Amino acid sequence: MAPGHVAYGLGAQYGMRVTAETVMAWERGTALPGERELMALAGVLWCAPGDLLAAASTLREHRIARDLAVDDLARTLGMTASAYQRIEESGRWRGNERQAVALCDALDMSAAQFLTATGRNEELAGLLTRAVTTRWQAYVRPVDKLVPLDRILVQNVLEQLHADYQALMVSTLSWNTTGRDRAGTAGEEGREFLDRVVEEFWRTAGI
C-alpha cells in the first residue's frame, strides 16, 4: 500500500491527520509512530502491531508486540497503570523481583531482554566485572536482585565466569616469554573478556 493510501486510511478510519511524508518517515525509521498511531497503522494494514516493529528493545515495544494495554499489564503486575506508565517512559524498572518475573512472563521476554529493556545492562556489567576479578561470592546477591533468574543458577554462573577469567589470565601469562609481553597480552585478553562479560553471563546461563 502506497504511503498516500496509508495516510488516507488513517484519516478515514481513525480520524488521524497524518501526511504521506510522515508515513514514509515511519517506513524509513527516521520517525516513530506513537502507540495510538501504531495501533491505527496496524488496523489500516490488516496486521498485528508487533508485525510493524523491528526486534523489540523497550518495554513499550515488547508490550505492543504482545498487544497488551497498559491497564491490563499493570493489573497483572499488581501496580497502578500510572506507575507502570512511568516505568515505560523512564526505561528504568521500579518493581520488585516477583513483578519482574511476572513482567517477563506477560511479555514473553527472556531475562536478557528484560535487562536490555529496563536499562540495566551497564549495571550488570559492572557487577560481573567485579565478580570475576575479585571474590565472586560477594556478588551473588546483588546480581540475583538484578536479574530474574534462579539464585542457584546465578551462583553457578558467577563461579564459572570467575574460573574462566582466572584461567584465561593464568594461561595467557604462562604462554609468553618476556615480562613485558606477558603483561601486555594478559591485559589485552582480560579486557576482551570483560568487554563481553554480559554476553558470557547469558551464554553460560544458557539464555
C-alpha atoms as a PDB file:
ATOM      1  CA  MET A   1       0.000   0.000   0.000  1.00  0.00           C
ATOM      2  CA  ALA A   2       1.411   3.378  -1.014  1.00  0.00           C
ATOM      3  CA  PRO A   3       2.160   5.954   1.719  1.00  0.00           C
ATOM      4  CA  GLY A   4      -0.599   8.203   0.427  1.00  0.00           C
ATOM      5  CA  HIS A   5      -3.137   5.412   0.683  1.00  0.00           C
ATOM      6  CA  VAL A   6      -1.980   4.602   4.219  1.00  0.00           C
ATOM      7  CA  ALA A   7      -2.286   8.246   5.237  1.00  0.00           C
ATOM      8  CA  TYR A   8      -5.777   8.378   3.734  1.00  0.00           C
ATOM      9  CA  GLY A   9      -6.785   5.211   5.597  1.00  0.00           C
ATOM     10  CA  LEU A  10      -5.555   6.625   8.898  1.00  0.00           C
ATOM     11  CA  GLY A  11      -7.649   9.713   8.337  1.00  0.00           C
ATOM     12  CA  ALA A  12     -10.765   7.980   7.052  1.00  0.00           C
ATOM     13  CA  GLN A  13     -10.844   5.144   9.582  1.00  0.00           C
ATOM     14  CA  TYR A  14      -9.283   6.721  12.657  1.00  0.00           C
ATOM     15  CA  GLY A  15      -9.604  10.458  12.158  1.00  0.00           C
ATOM     16  CA  MET A  16      -5.845  10.990  12.205  1.00  0.00           C
ATOM     17  CA  ARG A  17      -4.213  13.809  10.312  1.00  0.00           C
ATOM     18  CA  VAL A  18      -1.119  12.065   9.001  1.00  0.00           C
ATOM     19  CA  THR A  19       0.647  13.005   5.778  1.00  0.00           C
ATOM     20  CA  ALA A  20       2.175  10.653   3.237  1.00  0.00           C
ATOM     21  CA  GLU A  21       5.569  12.156   4.128  1.00  0.00           C
ATOM     22  CA  THR A  22       5.081  11.097   7.752  1.00  0.00           C
ATOM     23  CA  VAL A  23       4.208   7.562   6.691  1.00  0.00           C
ATOM     24  CA  MET A  24       7.361   7.488   4.556  1.00  0.00           C
ATOM     25  CA  ALA A  25       9.410   8.651   7.548  1.00  0.00           C
ATOM     26  CA  TRP A  26       7.963   5.788   9.599  1.00  0.00           C
ATOM     27  CA  GLU A  27       8.919   3.356   6.856  1.00  0.00           C
ATOM     28  CA  ARG A  28      12.491   4.672   6.727  1.00  0.00           C
ATOM     29  CA  GLY A  29      12.834   4.642  10.503  1.00  0.00           C
ATOM     30  CA  THR A  30      13.632   8.360  10.665  1.00  0.00           C
ATOM     31  CA  ALA A  31      10.486   8.925  12.755  1.00  0.00           C
ATOM     32  CA  LEU A  32       8.487   6.681  15.061  1.00  0.00           C
ATOM     33  CA  PRO A  33       4.702   6.470  15.364  1.00  0.00           C
ATOM     34  CA  GLY A  34       3.137   6.854  18.782  1.00  0.00           C
ATOM     35  CA  GLU A  35       1.265   3.964  20.342  1.00  0.00           C
ATOM     36  CA  ARG A  36      -2.140   5.181  19.120  1.00  0.00           C
ATOM     37  CA  GLU A  37      -0.725   5.735  15.638  1.00  0.00           C
ATOM     38  CA  LEU A  38       0.890   2.301  15.616  1.00  0.00           C
ATOM     39  CA  MET A  39      -2.368   0.609  16.572  1.00  0.00           C
ATOM     40  CA  ALA A  40      -4.216   2.509  13.854  1.00  0.00           C
ATOM     41  CA  LEU A  41      -1.494   1.730  11.330  1.00  0.00           C
ATOM     42  CA  ALA A  42      -1.855  -1.970  12.093  1.00  0.00           C
ATOM     43  CA  GLY A  43      -5.591  -1.652  11.527  1.00  0.00           C
ATOM     44  CA  VAL A  44      -5.136   0.023   8.162  1.00  0.00           C
ATOM     45  CA  LEU A  45      -2.562  -2.542   7.054  1.00  0.00           C
ATOM     46  CA  TRP A  46      -4.524  -5.512   8.431  1.00  0.00           C
ATOM     47  CA  CYS A  47      -1.719  -6.845  10.603  1.00  0.00           C
ATOM     48  CA  ALA A  48      -0.748  -7.147  14.259  1.00  0.00           C
ATOM     49  CA  PRO A  49       1.035  -4.171  15.865  1.00  0.00           C
ATOM     50  CA  GLY A  50       4.009  -6.401  16.619  1.00  0.00           C
ATOM     51  CA  ASP A  51       4.432  -7.090  12.896  1.00  0.00           C
ATOM     52  CA  LEU A  52       5.286  -3.423  12.378  1.00  0.00           C
ATOM     53  CA  LEU A  53       8.077  -3.423  14.942  1.00  0.00           C
ATOM     54  CA  ALA A  54      11.652  -4.495  14.433  1.00  0.00           C
ATOM     55  CA  ALA A  55      13.167  -6.571  17.238  1.00  0.00           C
ATOM     56  CA  ALA A  56      11.617  -5.105  20.380  1.00  0.00           C
ATOM     57  CA  SER A  57      14.130  -3.448  22.697  1.00  0.00           C
ATOM     58  CA  THR A  58      11.992  -1.336  25.050  1.00  0.00           C
ATOM     59  CA  LEU A  59       9.199  -2.277  27.438  1.00  0.00           C
ATOM     60  CA  ARG A  60       6.739  -0.328  25.319  1.00  0.00           C
ATOM     61  CA  GLU A  61       7.746  -2.220  22.175  1.00  0.00           C
ATOM     62  CA  HIS A  62       7.519  -5.582  23.938  1.00  0.00           C
ATOM     63  CA  ARG A  63       4.063  -4.687  25.298  1.00  0.00           C
ATOM     64  CA  ILE A  64       2.768  -3.527  21.920  1.00  0.00           C
ATOM     65  CA  ALA A  65       4.179  -6.644  20.265  1.00  0.00           C
ATOM     66  CA  ARG A  66       2.064  -8.694  22.687  1.00  0.00           C
ATOM     67  CA  ASP A  67      -0.956  -6.449  22.002  1.00  0.00           C
ATOM     68  CA  LEU A  68      -1.393  -5.588  25.685  1.00  0.00           C
ATOM     69  CA  ALA A  69      -2.865  -2.378  27.059  1.00  0.00           C
ATOM     70  CA  VAL A  70      -1.077  -0.533  29.855  1.00  0.00           C
ATOM     71  CA  ASP A  71      -4.016  -1.071  32.222  1.00  0.00           C
ATOM     72  CA  ASP A  72      -4.103  -4.822  31.621  1.00  0.00           C
ATOM     73  CA  LEU A  73      -0.366  -5.296  32.062  1.00  0.00           C
ATOM     74  CA  ALA A  74      -0.258  -3.113  35.169  1.00  0.00           C
ATOM     75  CA  ARG A  75      -3.091  -5.151  36.690  1.00  0.00           C
ATOM     76  CA  THR A  76      -1.159  -8.355  36.015  1.00  0.00           C
ATOM     77  CA  LEU A  77       1.884  -6.907  37.768  1.00  0.00           C
ATOM     78  CA  GLY A  78      -0.104  -5.642  40.735  1.00  0.00           C
ATOM     79  CA  MET A  79       0.656  -1.960  40.205  1.00  0.00           C
ATOM     80  CA  THR A  80      -1.278   1.069  39.053  1.00  0.00           C
ATOM     81  CA  ALA A  81      -1.401   1.972  35.384  1.00  0.00           C
ATOM     82  CA  SER A  82       0.250   5.326  36.098  1.00  0.00           C
ATOM     83  CA  ALA A  83       3.110   3.637  37.967  1.00  0.00           C
ATOM     84  CA  TYR A  84       3.734   1.254  35.086  1.00  0.00           C
ATOM     85  CA  GLN A  85       3.458   4.075  32.556  1.00  0.00           C
ATOM     86  CA  ARG A  86       6.228   5.939  34.377  1.00  0.00           C
ATOM     87  CA  ILE A  87       8.418   2.835  34.148  1.00  0.00           C
ATOM     88  CA  GLU A  88       7.912   2.662  30.389  1.00  0.00           C
ATOM     89  CA  GLU A  89       8.592   6.366  29.952  1.00  0.00           C
ATOM     90  CA  SER A  90      11.763   6.323  32.044  1.00  0.00           C
ATOM     91  CA  GLY A  91      13.033   2.957  30.820  1.00  0.00           C
ATOM     92  CA  ARG A  92      14.003   2.105  34.402  1.00  0.00           C
ATOM     93  CA  TRP A  93      12.472  -0.798  36.308  1.00  0.00           C
ATOM     94  CA  ARG A  94      10.972   0.096  39.692  1.00  0.00           C
ATOM     95  CA  GLY A  95       9.139  -3.109  40.544  1.00  0.00           C
ATOM     96  CA  ASN A  96      10.161  -5.960  42.836  1.00  0.00           C
ATOM     97  CA  GLU A  97      11.553  -9.382  41.910  1.00  0.00           C
ATOM     98  CA  ARG A  98       8.123 -11.045  41.795  1.00  0.00           C
ATOM     99  CA  GLN A  99       6.838  -8.350  39.465  1.00  0.00           C
ATOM    100  CA  ALA A 100       9.920  -8.689  37.267  1.00  0.00           C
ATOM    101  CA  VAL A 101       9.203 -12.391  36.785  1.00  0.00           C
ATOM    102  CA  ALA A 102       5.530 -11.628  36.087  1.00  0.00           C
ATOM    103  CA  LEU A 103       6.540  -8.992  33.533  1.00  0.00           C
ATOM    104  CA  CYS A 104       8.810 -11.428  31.695  1.00  0.00           C
ATOM    105  CA  ASP A 105       6.004 -13.992  31.622  1.00  0.00           C
ATOM    106  CA  ALA A 106       3.403 -11.491  30.405  1.00  0.00           C
ATOM    107  CA  LEU A 107       5.627 -10.060  27.665  1.00  0.00           C
ATOM    108  CA  ASP A 108       7.340 -13.366  26.822  1.00  0.00           C
ATOM    109  CA  MET A 109      10.747 -11.795  27.474  1.00  0.00           C
ATOM    110  CA  SER A 110      13.935 -13.605  28.345  1.00  0.00           C
ATOM    111  CA  ALA A 111      15.966 -12.397  31.306  1.00  0.00           C
ATOM    112  CA  ALA A 112      18.460 -10.867  28.866  1.00  0.00           C
ATOM    113  CA  GLN A 113      15.699  -8.957  27.067  1.00  0.00           C
ATOM    114  CA  PHE A 114      14.361  -7.753  30.415  1.00  0.00           C
ATOM    115  CA  LEU A 115      17.691  -6.191  31.361  1.00  0.00           C
ATOM    116  CA  THR A 116      18.053  -4.536  27.958  1.00  0.00           C
ATOM    117  CA  ALA A 117      14.507  -3.157  28.077  1.00  0.00           C
ATOM    118  CA  THR A 118      14.967  -1.782  31.589  1.00  0.00           C
ATOM    119  CA  GLY A 119      18.375  -0.204  31.000  1.00  0.00           C
ATOM    120  CA  ARG A 120      20.278  -2.452  33.407  1.00  0.00           C
ATOM    121  CA  ASN A 121      22.990  -3.909  31.186  1.00  0.00           C
ATOM    122  CA  GLU A 122      25.591  -1.382  32.308  1.00  0.00           C
ATOM    123  CA  GLU A 123      24.883  -2.095  35.973  1.00  0.00           C
ATOM    124  CA  LEU A 124      25.112  -5.840  35.343  1.00  0.00           C
ATOM    125  CA  ALA A 125      28.415  -5.401  33.504  1.00  0.00           C
ATOM    126  CA  GLY A 126      29.864  -3.568  36.494  1.00  0.00           C
ATOM    127  CA  LEU A 127      28.797  -6.266  38.938  1.00  0.00           C
ATOM    128  CA  LEU A 128      30.085  -9.070  36.722  1.00  0.00           C
ATOM    129  CA  THR A 129      33.417  -7.343  36.191  1.00  0.00           C
ATOM    130  CA  ARG A 130      33.970  -7.096  39.921  1.00  0.00           C
ATOM    131  CA  ALA A 131      32.754 -10.672  40.435  1.00  0.00           C
ATOM    132  CA  VAL A 132      35.235 -12.244  38.018  1.00  0.00           C
ATOM    133  CA  THR A 133      38.189 -10.110  39.087  1.00  0.00           C
ATOM    134  CA  THR A 134      37.693 -10.364  42.867  1.00  0.00           C
ATOM    135  CA  ARG A 135      35.583 -12.660  45.084  1.00  0.00           C
ATOM    136  CA  TRP A 136      32.590 -13.846  43.069  1.00  0.00           C
ATOM    137  CA  GLN A 137      30.718 -14.992  46.195  1.00  0.00           C
ATOM    138  CA  ALA A 138      30.180 -11.384  47.279  1.00  0.00           C
ATOM    139  CA  TYR A 139      28.207 -10.631  44.109  1.00  0.00           C
ATOM    140  CA  VAL A 140      25.691 -13.474  44.100  1.00  0.00           C
ATOM    141  CA  ARG A 141      23.093 -11.460  45.995  1.00  0.00           C
ATOM    142  CA  PRO A 142      23.480  -8.174  44.013  1.00  0.00           C
ATOM    143  CA  VAL A 143      23.290  -9.990  40.670  1.00  0.00           C
ATOM    144  CA  ASP A 144      20.387 -12.136  41.872  1.00  0.00           C
ATOM    145  CA  LYS A 145      18.440  -8.987  42.772  1.00  0.00           C
ATOM    146  CA  LEU A 146      19.130  -7.534  39.344  1.00  0.00           C
ATOM    147  CA  VAL A 147      18.255 -10.436  37.036  1.00  0.00           C
ATOM    148  CA  PRO A 148      15.064 -12.554  37.119  1.00  0.00           C
ATOM    149  CA  LEU A 149      16.903 -15.874  37.403  1.00  0.00           C
ATOM    150  CA  ASP A 150      17.070 -18.622  40.000  1.00  0.00           C
ATOM    151  CA  ARG A 151      19.620 -17.794  42.708  1.00  0.00           C
ATOM    152  CA  ILE A 152      21.379 -21.162  42.393  1.00  0.00           C
ATOM    153  CA  LEU A 153      21.796 -20.594  38.662  1.00  0.00           C
ATOM    154  CA  VAL A 154      23.242 -17.130  39.296  1.00  0.00           C
ATOM    155  CA  GLN A 155      25.677 -18.604  41.809  1.00  0.00           C
ATOM    156  CA  ASN A 156      26.806 -21.333  39.411  1.00  0.00           C
ATOM    157  CA  VAL A 157      27.245 -18.895  36.529  1.00  0.00           C
ATOM    158  CA  LEU A 158      29.310 -16.454  38.586  1.00  0.00           C
ATOM    159  CA  GLU A 159      31.527 -19.260  39.836  1.00  0.00           C
ATOM    160  CA  GLN A 160      32.094 -20.474  36.270  1.00  0.00           C
ATOM    161  CA  LEU A 161      32.794 -16.988  34.902  1.00  0.00           C
ATOM    162  CA  HIS A 162      35.279 -16.337  37.685  1.00  0.00           C
ATOM    163  CA  ALA A 163      37.033 -19.632  36.928  1.00  0.00           C
ATOM    164  CA  ASP A 164      37.083 -18.877  33.179  1.00  0.00           C
ATOM    165  CA  TYR A 165      38.547 -15.414  33.679  1.00  0.00           C
ATOM    166  CA  GLN A 166      41.191 -16.536  36.158  1.00  0.00           C
ATOM    167  CA  ALA A 167      42.165 -19.491  33.948  1.00  0.00           C
ATOM    168  CA  LEU A 168      42.459 -17.148  30.975  1.00  0.00           C
ATOM    169  CA  MET A 169      44.782 -14.833  32.853  1.00  0.00           C
ATOM    170  CA  VAL A 170      46.964 -17.689  34.121  1.00  0.00           C
ATOM    171  CA  SER A 171      47.220 -19.419  30.731  1.00  0.00           C
ATOM    172  CA  THR A 172      47.988 -16.154  28.961  1.00  0.00           C
ATOM    173  CA  LEU A 173      50.841 -15.416  31.337  1.00  0.00           C
ATOM    174  CA  SER A 174      52.307 -18.903  31.050  1.00  0.00           C
ATOM    175  CA  TRP A 175      52.447 -18.853  27.238  1.00  0.00           C
ATOM    176  CA  ASN A 176      54.612 -15.727  26.976  1.00  0.00           C
ATOM    177  CA  THR A 177      58.327 -15.380  27.496  1.00  0.00           C
ATOM    178  CA  THR A 178      59.158 -11.794  28.454  1.00  0.00           C
ATOM    179  CA  GLY A 179      57.682  -9.857  31.335  1.00  0.00           C
ATOM    180  CA  ARG A 180      56.505  -7.070  29.046  1.00  0.00           C
ATOM    181  CA  ASP A 181      54.811  -9.470  26.633  1.00  0.00           C
ATOM    182  CA  ARG A 182      53.156 -11.332  29.484  1.00  0.00           C
ATOM    183  CA  ALA A 183      51.679  -8.197  30.971  1.00  0.00           C
ATOM    184  CA  GLY A 184      50.581  -6.800  27.622  1.00  0.00           C
ATOM    185  CA  THR A 185      48.946  -9.975  26.344  1.00  0.00           C
ATOM    186  CA  ALA A 186      47.306 -10.789  29.653  1.00  0.00           C
ATOM    187  CA  GLY A 187      45.909  -7.292  29.868  1.00  0.00           C
ATOM    188  CA  GLU A 188      44.515  -7.433  26.334  1.00  0.00           C
ATOM    189  CA  GLU A 189      42.930 -10.871  26.786  1.00  0.00           C
ATOM    190  CA  GLY A 190      41.479  -9.807  30.105  1.00  0.00           C
ATOM    191  CA  ARG A 191      39.981  -6.615  28.680  1.00  0.00           C
ATOM    192  CA  GLU A 192      38.393  -8.544  25.822  1.00  0.00           C
ATOM    193  CA  PHE A 193      36.783 -10.958  28.276  1.00  0.00           C
ATOM    194  CA  LEU A 194      35.476  -8.113  30.428  1.00  0.00           C
ATOM    195  CA  ASP A 195      34.147  -6.284  27.360  1.00  0.00           C
ATOM    196  CA  ARG A 196      31.909  -9.255  26.603  1.00  0.00           C
ATOM    197  CA  VAL A 197      31.239 -10.295  30.203  1.00  0.00           C
ATOM    198  CA  VAL A 198      27.473  -9.694  29.950  1.00  0.00           C
ATOM    199  CA  GLU A 199      27.310 -11.826  26.809  1.00  0.00           C
ATOM    200  CA  GLU A 200      29.352 -14.517  28.573  1.00  0.00           C
ATOM    201  CA  PHE A 201      26.970 -14.383  31.535  1.00  0.00           C
ATOM    202  CA  TRP A 202      23.905 -15.110  29.398  1.00  0.00           C
ATOM    203  CA  ARG A 203      25.726 -17.743  27.352  1.00  0.00           C
ATOM    204  CA  THR A 204      26.851 -19.570  30.487  1.00  0.00           C
ATOM    205  CA  ALA A 205      23.334 -19.309  31.909  1.00  0.00           C
ATOM    206  CA  GLY A 206      22.005 -20.932  28.733  1.00  0.00           C
ATOM    207  CA  ILE A 207      19.947 -17.908  27.681  1.00  0.00           C
END
